Structures are given as C-alpha cells and as structure tokens.
Amino acid sequence: MDVFSSGPNAGNLLVTAGLVIALLVMSSKAKMLDKKGANAAALLGLVVGGLGHWTWLLILLGFLLTSHKATKWRFEEKKALGLSESSDGHRGWTNVVANGAIPGLICLYAYLSDDWDTVVWMFGAAVAVAASDTFASEIGCLDPRVRMITTFKPCEQGENGGFSPNGQLAAAVGSAVVAILTLLAWWVTGNDTATTNGIQLGAVLAVIGWLGCQIDSYLGALLENRGYMSKGAVNASAITGGVLLMTAYLGSL
C-alpha cells in the first residue's frame, strides 16, 4: 500500500482517516474546538488529506496544536483584559472556516491540476499566514508596547491593526513553524530537501507568512475597525494575499 503518493488513493486515505480520528480525540480532550468546530475541522481534514496528502493534514494539525498553545498562554490574563475569544480558549466552526476554507480550495486545485509538488507551497503559504496572525494576536496582545500599523501611534492592546515587538516576533515564529512542516511534507512526498531550491522555498514561505500577518493588520485597521469587513473576511483576505505572493514567486522560478 503506497502512503507516499498524493491524492485519493487507498494508502493516503487510510492514513488521513486515522489522523482525522486523532484530531477529534485530541480536540475533545484538550477542548481546542467546540462540537461544531470539531466537525468542521474533521471535514476539512478529510478534504486536505484526501485531495492533497496526509502530510498536508499534519501541517494543519501542527498549526492547530501550536496555535492552541498560544491561545492558552497566560489565558487568565487575556480573559481578565477581555482579549480572549471564548471563556475557555476553544474555537468554533467560524474560525475553522475562516482559516481553513482557502487551504481546502487549494487542495481541490492540486487534485484537479494533478500538481502536488508545486501546490504544497501555496497550501503552506495559506496556513503560514493563519499561523502568523494567530501567534501575533495571542502573544502580542499582552505586550503593552502596541502601536497602530497605519500611523505608528500608540493604541489599545488587542485593537485591530495594532502591532507590538512581541507580536511581530511571535508572528515570525508561527510562520517559521509552518514553513518547516511544509518543507518536510514536500520531502516526504518524494522531493530532495538537500537541494537549494527546497530550502529557499521554505525560507520564502516563512517570510510570506509573516507578510500575510501584516496584510491582516492593515485590513483590520483600515476596514474592520470601520465596519467594512468582518474579522473572518479580513483573515480570508490576508490568507489569499499570502497565497498570491507565493504563487507569484513560484511563477518567477
């Protein structure tokens, strides 16, 4: 049974199903997602693993686990300041859709184009932006050195468009984690990580994930704060921006 070939084949689907079950168990025990969020994540996981590859699902799981740790970091302080999205740190289906819809569509594109070797980097870019933004929000919100990204003037902690030194560092770490996972997925499915090209792509992906976080902040400051965009729309737009940047880079090679 071949578990290293991408797309809907028996080996890939079997491993994917096992990972989705593990996701549901972990989510329930750690209270990472509510019931609807877990169902949405399971459906997304089947699409990502089935149409992409189970290593792509591991990228998503890596994002989910590390972002949950970032969410729970000094959680009581965030809760006291009104900076937490829920009472216990879990996330719902709207968050899953906002961060996962575009990666899911990218997997569909990989299947239809029969090109997983290239598209995995587009997929990684989408997840890297989501991870970078989540890390920046969850870690940076407790840094009092917050400035508005459009004016560089001091602003309130947790305000849309605000950035801080700790938040920017956390954004870079979140993006780098996904870049490493994407490079490993690229290697597992039959590529050579020893080549300069693979390492270069991973480095570019890490930078693009961080840039996507900045796009999110700008849109939050310019449009979300004025009621022109919702938080989910801002997230999706920033992720799309990251994917487009990665696509443009891939096209230049």
Foldseek 3Di string as FASTA:
>chain_A
DDQLAFAADDNQQVLLVVVLVVQLVVCVVVVQAPPQQNVLLSVLSNLCSHLAGNLLSVLVVVLSVVLLVLCPVVVVVCVVVVLHPDPRSHYYNLLCCLLRVVLSVLSVVCNVVVNRLQSLLLSLLSSLLVQLQSQLSSFVLPPQCWAAQVPRHRDHRNQQRIGDPRSLVSSLVRSLVSLVSSLVSSVSSPDDCVDPVSVVSSVVSSVLSSVLNNQLSVCRVPAVVVPNDPNSRSSNVSSVVSSVVSVVVVVVD
